[in-house]
PDB file of all heavy atoms in Angstrom:
ATOM      1  N   ALA A   1     105.831  75.320 107.409  1.00  0.00           N
ATOM      2  CA  ALA A   1     105.379  76.325 108.374  1.00  0.00           C
ATOM      3  C   ALA A   1     104.026  76.890 107.957  1.00  0.00           C
ATOM      4  O   ALA A   1     103.760  77.081 106.768  1.00  0.00           O
ATOM      5  CB  ALA A   1     106.397  77.451 108.472  1.00  0.00           C
ATOM      6  N   ILE A   2     103.181  77.171 108.922  1.00  0.00           N
ATOM      7  CA  ILE A   2     101.876  77.765 108.628  1.00  0.00           C
ATOM      8  C   ILE A   2     101.845  79.259 108.950  1.00  0.00           C
ATOM      9  O   ILE A   2     100.819  79.910 108.766  1.00  0.00           O
ATOM     10  CB  ILE A   2     100.738  77.041 109.380  1.00  0.00           C
ATOM     11  CG1 ILE A   2     100.932  77.157 110.904  1.00  0.00           C
ATOM     12  CG2 ILE A   2     100.643  75.591 108.940  1.00  0.00           C
ATOM     13  CD1 ILE A   2      99.760  76.585 111.702  1.00  0.00           C
ATOM     14  N   ASN A   3     102.966  79.807 109.400  1.00  0.00           N
ATOM     15  CA  ASN A   3     102.996  81.230 109.753  1.00  0.00           C
ATOM     16  C   ASN A   3     104.108  81.975 109.011  1.00  0.00           C
ATOM     17  O   ASN A   3     104.667  82.947 109.516  1.00  0.00           O
ATOM     18  CB  ASN A   3     103.147  81.406 111.261  1.00  0.00           C
ATOM     19  CG  ASN A   3     104.456  80.840 111.801  1.00  0.00           C
ATOM     20  OD1 ASN A   3     104.982  79.857 111.269  1.00  0.00           O
ATOM     21  ND2 ASN A   3     104.968  81.439 112.853  1.00  0.00           N
ATOM     22  N   THR A   4     104.415  81.531 107.786  1.00  0.00           N
ATOM     23  CA  THR A   4     105.435  82.200 106.983  1.00  0.00           C
ATOM     24  C   THR A   4     104.954  83.584 106.559  1.00  0.00           C
ATOM     25  O   THR A   4     103.869  83.724 105.997  1.00  0.00           O
ATOM     26  CB  THR A   4     105.741  81.379 105.718  1.00  0.00           C
ATOM     27  OG1 THR A   4     106.175  80.071 106.106  1.00  0.00           O
ATOM     28  CG2 THR A   4     106.820  82.049 104.874  1.00  0.00           C
ATOM     29  N   PRO A   5     105.724  84.641 106.827  1.00  0.00           N
ATOM     30  CA  PRO A   5     105.299  85.987 106.406  1.00  0.00           C
ATOM     31  C   PRO A   5     105.377  86.153 104.900  1.00  0.00           C
ATOM     32  O   PRO A   5     106.232  85.548 104.234  1.00  0.00           O
ATOM     33  CB  PRO A   5     106.294  86.908 107.122  1.00  0.00           C
ATOM     34  CG  PRO A   5     107.501  86.064 107.345  1.00  0.00           C
ATOM     35  CD  PRO A   5     107.004  84.653 107.545  1.00  0.00           C
ATOM     36  N   SER A   6     104.502  87.012 104.363  1.00  0.00           N
ATOM     37  CA  SER A   6     104.441  87.225 102.917  1.00  0.00           C
ATOM     38  C   SER A   6     105.212  88.456 102.469  1.00  0.00           C
ATOM     39  O   SER A   6     105.924  88.428 101.469  1.00  0.00           O
ATOM     40  CB  SER A   6     102.979  87.349 102.464  1.00  0.00           C
ATOM     41  OG  SER A   6     102.278  86.161 102.730  1.00  0.00           O
ATOM     42  N   TYR A   7     105.051  89.575 103.176  1.00  0.00           N
ATOM     43  CA  TYR A   7     105.669  90.809 102.684  1.00  0.00           C
ATOM     44  C   TYR A   7     106.174  91.735 103.784  1.00  0.00           C
ATOM     45  O   TYR A   7     107.106  92.491 103.583  1.00  0.00           O
ATOM     46  CB  TYR A   7     104.696  91.587 101.791  1.00  0.00           C
ATOM     47  CG  TYR A   7     103.393  91.976 102.453  1.00  0.00           C
ATOM     48  CD1 TYR A   7     103.269  93.181 103.145  1.00  0.00           C
ATOM     49  CD2 TYR A   7     102.281  91.148 102.385  1.00  0.00           C
ATOM     50  CE1 TYR A   7     102.081  93.533 103.756  1.00  0.00           C
ATOM     51  CE2 TYR A   7     101.082  91.493 102.986  1.00  0.00           C
ATOM     52  CZ  TYR A   7     100.990  92.689 103.670  1.00  0.00           C
ATOM     53  OH  TYR A   7      99.810  93.028 104.281  1.00  0.00           O
ATOM     54  N   GLY A   8     105.569  91.757 104.941  1.00  0.00           N
ATOM     55  CA  GLY A   8     106.008  92.665 105.996  1.00  0.00           C
ATOM     56  C   GLY A   8     104.874  93.510 106.519  1.00  0.00           C
ATOM     57  O   GLY A   8     103.794  93.015 106.848  1.00  0.00           O
ATOM     58  N   VAL A   9     105.089  94.845 106.552  1.00  0.00           N
ATOM     59  CA  VAL A   9     104.079  95.774 107.066  1.00  0.00           C
ATOM     60  C   VAL A   9     104.059  97.001 106.167  1.00  0.00           C
ATOM     61  O   VAL A   9     105.108  97.555 105.830  1.00  0.00           O
ATOM     62  CB  VAL A   9     104.403  96.199 108.522  1.00  0.00           C
ATOM     63  CG1 VAL A   9     103.468  97.316 108.982  1.00  0.00           C
ATOM     64  CG2 VAL A   9     104.291  95.002 109.460  1.00  0.00           C
ATOM     65  N   LYS A  10     102.843  97.443 105.811  1.00  0.00           N
ATOM     66  CA  LYS A  10     102.677  98.642 104.990  1.00  0.00           C
ATOM     67  C   LYS A  10     101.627  99.540 105.614  1.00  0.00           C
ATOM     68  O   LYS A  10     100.484  99.132 105.830  1.00  0.00           O
ATOM     69  CB  LYS A  10     102.275  98.278 103.562  1.00  0.00           C
ATOM     70  CG  LYS A  10     102.217  99.474 102.629  1.00  0.00           C
ATOM     71  CD  LYS A  10     101.948  99.052 101.193  1.00  0.00           C
ATOM     72  CE  LYS A  10     101.949 100.270 100.271  1.00  0.00           C
ATOM     73  NZ  LYS A  10     101.703  99.878  98.850  1.00  0.00           N
ATOM     74  N   ILE A  11     102.013 100.785 105.906  1.00  0.00           N
ATOM     75  CA  ILE A  11     101.137 101.761 106.549  1.00  0.00           C
ATOM     76  C   ILE A  11     101.011 102.968 105.636  1.00  0.00           C
ATOM     77  O   ILE A  11     102.009 103.494 105.133  1.00  0.00           O
ATOM     78  CB  ILE A  11     101.700 102.172 107.921  1.00  0.00           C
ATOM     79  CG1 ILE A  11     101.648 100.964 108.873  1.00  0.00           C
ATOM     80  CG2 ILE A  11     100.922 103.341 108.505  1.00  0.00           C
ATOM     81  CD1 ILE A  11     102.328 101.196 110.199  1.00  0.00           C
ATOM     82  N   GLY A  12      99.773 103.434 105.406  1.00  0.00           N
ATOM     83  CA  GLY A  12      99.511 104.515 104.467  1.00  0.00           C
ATOM     84  C   GLY A  12      99.807 105.903 105.025  1.00  0.00           C
ATOM     85  O   GLY A  12     100.340 106.058 106.133  1.00  0.00           O
ATOM     86  N   ASP A  13      99.421 106.929 104.269  1.00  0.00           N
ATOM     87  CA  ASP A  13      99.655 108.320 104.652  1.00  0.00           C
ATOM     88  C   ASP A  13      98.717 108.761 105.783  1.00  0.00           C
ATOM     89  O   ASP A  13      97.627 108.205 105.968  1.00  0.00           O
ATOM     90  CB  ASP A  13      99.412 109.247 103.455  1.00  0.00           C
ATOM     91  CG  ASP A  13     100.400 109.028 102.326  1.00  0.00           C
ATOM     92  OD1 ASP A  13     101.480 108.451 102.568  1.00  0.00           O
ATOM     93  OD2 ASP A  13     100.094 109.440 101.191  1.00  0.00           O
ATOM     94  N   HIS A  14      99.155 109.791 106.504  1.00  0.00           N
ATOM     95  CA  HIS A  14      98.348 110.483 107.515  1.00  0.00           C
ATOM     96  C   HIS A  14      97.765 109.487 108.513  1.00  0.00           C
ATOM     97  O   HIS A  14      96.570 109.192 108.537  1.00  0.00           O
ATOM     98  CB  HIS A  14      97.229 111.298 106.841  1.00  0.00           C
ATOM     99  CG  HIS A  14      96.578 112.262 107.790  1.00  0.00           C
ATOM    100  ND1 HIS A  14      95.216 112.275 107.991  1.00  0.00           N
ATOM    101  CD2 HIS A  14      97.088 113.228 108.592  1.00  0.00           C
ATOM    102  CE1 HIS A  14      94.915 113.226 108.873  1.00  0.00           C
ATOM    103  NE2 HIS A  14      96.039 113.805 109.251  1.00  0.00           N
ATOM    104  N   PHE A  15      98.653 109.027 109.376  1.00  0.00           N
ATOM    105  CA  PHE A  15      98.347 107.928 110.278  1.00  0.00           C
ATOM    106  C   PHE A  15      98.676 108.324 111.699  1.00  0.00           C
ATOM    107  O   PHE A  15      99.714 108.918 111.959  1.00  0.00           O
ATOM    108  CB  PHE A  15      99.224 106.734 109.871  1.00  0.00           C
ATOM    109  CG  PHE A  15      98.539 105.434 109.994  1.00  0.00           C
ATOM    110  CD1 PHE A  15      97.854 104.893 108.927  1.00  0.00           C
ATOM    111  CD2 PHE A  15      98.578 104.750 111.185  1.00  0.00           C
ATOM    112  CE1 PHE A  15      97.216 103.690 109.045  1.00  0.00           C
ATOM    113  CE2 PHE A  15      97.939 103.537 111.313  1.00  0.00           C
ATOM    114  CZ  PHE A  15      97.257 102.997 110.245  1.00  0.00           C
ATOM    115  N   TRP A  16      97.815 107.978 112.634  1.00  0.00           N
ATOM    116  CA  TRP A  16      98.051 108.273 114.052  1.00  0.00           C
ATOM    117  C   TRP A  16      97.964 106.964 114.822  1.00  0.00           C
ATOM    118  O   TRP A  16      96.940 106.279 114.801  1.00  0.00           O
ATOM    119  CB  TRP A  16      97.012 109.276 114.546  1.00  0.00           C
ATOM    120  CG  TRP A  16      97.044 109.588 116.013  1.00  0.00           C
ATOM    121  CD1 TRP A  16      98.067 109.352 116.892  1.00  0.00           C
ATOM    122  CD2 TRP A  16      95.991 110.187 116.778  1.00  0.00           C
ATOM    123  NE1 TRP A  16      97.722 109.779 118.154  1.00  0.00           N
ATOM    124  CE2 TRP A  16      96.455 110.297 118.116  1.00  0.00           C
ATOM    125  CE3 TRP A  16      94.721 110.651 116.455  1.00  0.00           C
ATOM    126  CZ2 TRP A  16      95.682 110.834 119.131  1.00  0.00           C
ATOM    127  CZ3 TRP A  16      93.941 111.200 117.467  1.00  0.00           C
ATOM    128  CH2 TRP A  16      94.423 111.282 118.780  1.00  0.00           C
ATOM    129  N   ILE A  17      99.052 106.630 115.526  1.00  0.00           N
ATOM    130  CA  ILE A  17      99.105 105.387 116.292  1.00  0.00           C
ATOM    131  C   ILE A  17      99.296 105.713 117.769  1.00  0.00           C
ATOM    132  O   ILE A  17     100.237 106.418 118.145  1.00  0.00           O
ATOM    133  CB  ILE A  17     100.232 104.468 115.794  1.00  0.00           C
ATOM    134  CG1 ILE A  17      99.982 104.088 114.330  1.00  0.00           C
ATOM    135  CG2 ILE A  17     100.321 103.213 116.650  1.00  0.00           C
ATOM    136  CD1 ILE A  17     101.001 103.124 113.768  1.00  0.00           C
ATOM    137  N   GLY A  18      98.408 105.196 118.609  1.00  0.00           N
ATOM    138  CA  GLY A  18      98.426 105.480 120.036  1.00  0.00           C
ATOM    139  C   GLY A  18      99.460 104.672 120.800  1.00  0.00           C
ATOM    140  O   GLY A  18     100.173 103.820 120.250  1.00  0.00           O
ATOM    141  N   ASN A  19      99.517 104.917 122.091  1.00  0.00           N
ATOM    142  CA  ASN A  19     100.509 104.304 122.977  1.00  0.00           C
ATOM    143  C   ASN A  19     100.358 102.783 123.045  1.00  0.00           C
ATOM    144  O   ASN A  19      99.256 102.242 123.112  1.00  0.00           O
ATOM    145  CB  ASN A  19     100.341 104.890 124.381  1.00  0.00           C
ATOM    146  CG  ASN A  19     101.249 104.233 125.386  1.00  0.00           C
ATOM    147  OD1 ASN A  19     102.455 104.373 125.330  1.00  0.00           O
ATOM    148  ND2 ASN A  19     100.660 103.484 126.307  1.00  0.00           N
ATOM    149  N   GLY A  20     101.507 102.092 123.031  1.00  0.00           N
ATOM    150  CA  GLY A  20     101.532 100.663 123.310  1.00  0.00           C
ATOM    151  C   GLY A  20     100.969  99.766 122.236  1.00  0.00           C
ATOM    152  O   GLY A  20     100.626  98.611 122.515  1.00  0.00           O
ATOM    153  N   VAL A  21     100.911 100.241 121.011  1.00  0.00           N
ATOM    154  CA  VAL A  21     100.362  99.440 119.905  1.00  0.00           C
ATOM    155  C   VAL A  21     101.412  98.454 119.403  1.00  0.00           C
ATOM    156  O   VAL A  21     102.598  98.783 119.281  1.00  0.00           O
ATOM    157  CB  VAL A  21      99.880 100.352 118.766  1.00  0.00           C
ATOM    158  CG1 VAL A  21      99.574  99.544 117.502  1.00  0.00           C
ATOM    159  CG2 VAL A  21      98.653 101.148 119.207  1.00  0.00           C
ATOM    160  N   ASN A  22     100.954  97.241 119.082  1.00  0.00           N
ATOM    161  CA  ASN A  22     101.791  96.239 118.431  1.00  0.00           C
ATOM    162  C   ASN A  22     101.210  95.907 117.066  1.00  0.00           C
ATOM    163  O   ASN A  22     100.017  95.593 116.950  1.00  0.00           O
ATOM    164  CB  ASN A  22     101.864  94.963 119.270  1.00  0.00           C
ATOM    165  CG  ASN A  22     102.852  95.071 120.407  1.00  0.00           C
ATOM    166  OD1 ASN A  22     104.043  94.833 120.241  1.00  0.00           O
ATOM    167  ND2 ASN A  22     102.359  95.451 121.578  1.00  0.00           N
ATOM    168  N   ILE A  23     102.048  95.996 116.033  1.00  0.00           N
ATOM    169  CA  ILE A  23     101.642  95.672 114.671  1.00  0.00           C
ATOM    170  C   ILE A  23     102.451  94.468 114.220  1.00  0.00           C
ATOM    171  O   ILE A  23     103.689  94.501 114.229  1.00  0.00           O
ATOM    172  CB  ILE A  23     101.861  96.866 113.725  1.00  0.00           C
ATOM    173  CG1 ILE A  23     101.027  98.063 114.195  1.00  0.00           C
ATOM    174  CG2 ILE A  23     101.498  96.492 112.288  1.00  0.00           C
ATOM    175  CD1 ILE A  23     101.272  99.327 113.395  1.00  0.00           C
ATOM    176  N   LEU A  24     101.763  93.404 113.834  1.00  0.00           N
ATOM    177  CA  LEU A  24     102.423  92.156 113.479  1.00  0.00           C
ATOM    178  C   LEU A  24     102.536  91.993 111.965  1.00  0.00           C
ATOM    179  O   LEU A  24     102.154  92.863 111.197  1.00  0.00           O
ATOM    180  CB  LEU A  24     101.672  90.980 114.112  1.00  0.00           C
ATOM    181  CG  LEU A  24     101.487  91.057 115.636  1.00  0.00           C
ATOM    182  CD1 LEU A  24     100.838  89.783 116.151  1.00  0.00           C
ATOM    183  CD2 LEU A  24     102.805  91.307 116.352  1.00  0.00           C
ATOM    184  N   LYS A  25     103.071  90.876 111.562  1.00  0.00           N
ATOM    185  CA  LYS A  25     103.423  90.621 110.164  1.00  0.00           C
ATOM    186  C   LYS A  25     102.218  90.694 109.232  1.00  0.00           C
ATOM    187  O   LYS A  25     101.078  90.436 109.617  1.00  0.00           O
ATOM    188  CB  LYS A  25     104.089  89.256 110.021  1.00  0.00           C
ATOM    189  CG  LYS A  25     103.149  88.065 110.231  1.00  0.00           C
ATOM    190  CD  LYS A  25     103.867  86.751 110.018  1.00  0.00           C
ATOM    191  CE  LYS A  25     102.911  85.575 109.938  1.00  0.00           C
ATOM    192  NZ  LYS A  25     102.057  85.386 111.084  1.00  0.00           N
ATOM    193  N   ASP A  26     102.511  91.054 107.969  1.00  0.00           N
ATOM    194  CA  ASP A  26     101.535  91.038 106.875  1.00  0.00           C
ATOM    195  C   ASP A  26     100.307  91.893 107.168  1.00  0.00           C
ATOM    196  O   ASP A  26      99.167  91.497 106.911  1.00  0.00           O
ATOM    197  CB  ASP A  26     101.118  89.597 106.544  1.00  0.00           C
ATOM    198  CG  ASP A  26     102.289  88.790 105.994  1.00  0.00           C
ATOM    199  OD1 ASP A  26     103.267  89.406 105.544  1.00  0.00           O
ATOM    200  OD2 ASP A  26     102.219  87.544 106.011  1.00  0.00           O
ATOM    201  N   VAL A  27     100.564  93.074 107.683  1.00  0.00           N
ATOM    202  CA  VAL A  27      99.512  94.064 107.912  1.00  0.00           C
ATOM    203  C   VAL A  27      99.633  95.167 106.871  1.00  0.00           C
ATOM    204  O   VAL A  27     100.725  95.697 106.650  1.00  0.00           O
ATOM    205  CB  VAL A  27      99.614  94.666 109.329  1.00  0.00           C
ATOM    206  CG1 VAL A  27      98.759  95.926 109.456  1.00  0.00           C
ATOM    207  CG2 VAL A  27      99.195  93.639 110.375  1.00  0.00           C
ATOM    208  N   THR A  28      98.519  95.497 106.236  1.00  0.00           N
ATOM    209  CA  THR A  28      98.428  96.668 105.360  1.00  0.00           C
ATOM    210  C   THR A  28      97.309  97.549 105.894  1.00  0.00           C
ATOM    211  O   THR A  28      96.176  97.079 106.061  1.00  0.00           O
ATOM    212  CB  THR A  28      98.120  96.273 103.909  1.00  0.00           C
ATOM    213  OG1 THR A  28      99.209  95.514 103.377  1.00  0.00           O
ATOM    214  CG2 THR A  28      97.917  97.514 103.040  1.00  0.00           C
ATOM    215  N   ILE A  29      97.632  98.805 106.181  1.00  0.00           N
ATOM    216  CA  ILE A  29      96.626  99.748 106.658  1.00  0.00           C
ATOM    217  C   ILE A  29      96.636 100.953 105.735  1.00  0.00           C
ATOM    218  O   ILE A  29      97.688 101.568 105.528  1.00  0.00           O
ATOM    219  CB  ILE A  29      96.880 100.177 108.112  1.00  0.00           C
ATOM    220  CG1 ILE A  29      97.103  98.944 109.002  1.00  0.00           C
ATOM    221  CG2 ILE A  29      95.695 100.987 108.637  1.00  0.00           C
ATOM    222  CD1 ILE A  29      97.448  99.274 110.436  1.00  0.00           C
ATOM    223  N   GLU A  30      95.490 101.288 105.185  1.00  0.00           N
ATOM    224  CA  GLU A  30      95.400 102.377 104.227  1.00  0.00           C
ATOM    225  C   GLU A  30      95.429 103.734 104.940  1.00  0.00           C
ATOM    226  O   GLU A  30      95.550 103.811 106.160  1.00  0.00           O
ATOM    227  CB  GLU A  30      94.162 102.193 103.366  1.00  0.00           C
ATOM    228  CG  GLU A  30      94.218 100.895 102.534  1.00  0.00           C
ATOM    229  CD  GLU A  30      92.995 100.680 101.679  1.00  0.00           C
ATOM    230  OE1 GLU A  30      92.069 101.515 101.689  1.00  0.00           O
ATOM    231  OE2 GLU A  30      92.953  99.639 100.980  1.00  0.00           O
ATOM    232  N   HIS A  31      95.305 104.794 104.178  1.00  0.00           N
ATOM    233  CA  HIS A  31      95.528 106.158 104.665  1.00  0.00           C
ATOM    234  C   HIS A  31      94.447 106.657 105.625  1.00  0.00           C
ATOM    235  O   HIS A  31      93.340 106.127 105.688  1.00  0.00           O
ATOM    236  CB  HIS A  31      95.619 107.110 103.470  1.00  0.00           C
ATOM    237  CG  HIS A  31      94.396 107.106 102.602  1.00  0.00           C
ATOM    238  ND1 HIS A  31      93.293 107.885 102.854  1.00  0.00           N
ATOM    239  CD2 HIS A  31      94.103 106.397 101.486  1.00  0.00           C
ATOM    240  CE1 HIS A  31      92.369 107.672 101.931  1.00  0.00           C
ATOM    241  NE2 HIS A  31      92.837 106.765 101.086  1.00  0.00           N
ATOM    242  N   ASP A  32      94.801 107.706 106.395  1.00  0.00           N
ATOM    243  CA  ASP A  32      93.864 108.449 107.248  1.00  0.00           C
ATOM    244  C   ASP A  32      93.196 107.566 108.300  1.00  0.00           C
ATOM    245  O   ASP A  32      91.982 107.594 108.476  1.00  0.00           O
ATOM    246  CB  ASP A  32      92.801 109.145 106.394  1.00  0.00           C
ATOM    247  CG  ASP A  32      93.408 110.168 105.446  1.00  0.00           C
ATOM    248  OD1 ASP A  32      94.079 111.090 105.919  1.00  0.00           O
ATOM    249  OD2 ASP A  32      93.216 110.028 104.220  1.00  0.00           O
ATOM    250  N   CYS A  33      94.020 106.809 109.013  1.00  0.00           N
ATOM    251  CA  CYS A  33      93.492 105.926 110.055  1.00  0.00           C
ATOM    252  C   CYS A  33      94.078 106.284 111.421  1.00  0.00           C
ATOM    253  O   CYS A  33      95.094 106.971 111.528  1.00  0.00           O
ATOM    254  CB  CYS A  33      93.822 104.471 109.739  1.00  0.00           C
ATOM    255  SG  CYS A  33      92.822 103.764 108.404  1.00  0.00           S
ATOM    256  N   VAL A  34      93.402 105.796 112.459  1.00  0.00           N
ATOM    257  CA  VAL A  34      93.860 105.918 113.843  1.00  0.00           C
ATOM    258  C   VAL A  34      93.875 104.519 114.443  1.00  0.00           C
ATOM    259  O   VAL A  34      92.912 103.756 114.282  1.00  0.00           O
ATOM    260  CB  VAL A  34      92.913 106.823 114.663  1.00  0.00           C
ATOM    261  CG1 VAL A  34      93.334 106.850 116.121  1.00  0.00           C
ATOM    262  CG2 VAL A  34      92.862 108.228 114.079  1.00  0.00           C
TER     263      VAL A  34
END
């Protein structure tokens, strides 16, 4: 497979996510983001 996930999803502190957002595999987002 060429799309095997590695770890999942990691989201940092103080985060604001708007309407209708999709977050897919192997995403890391650091703190204080929108």
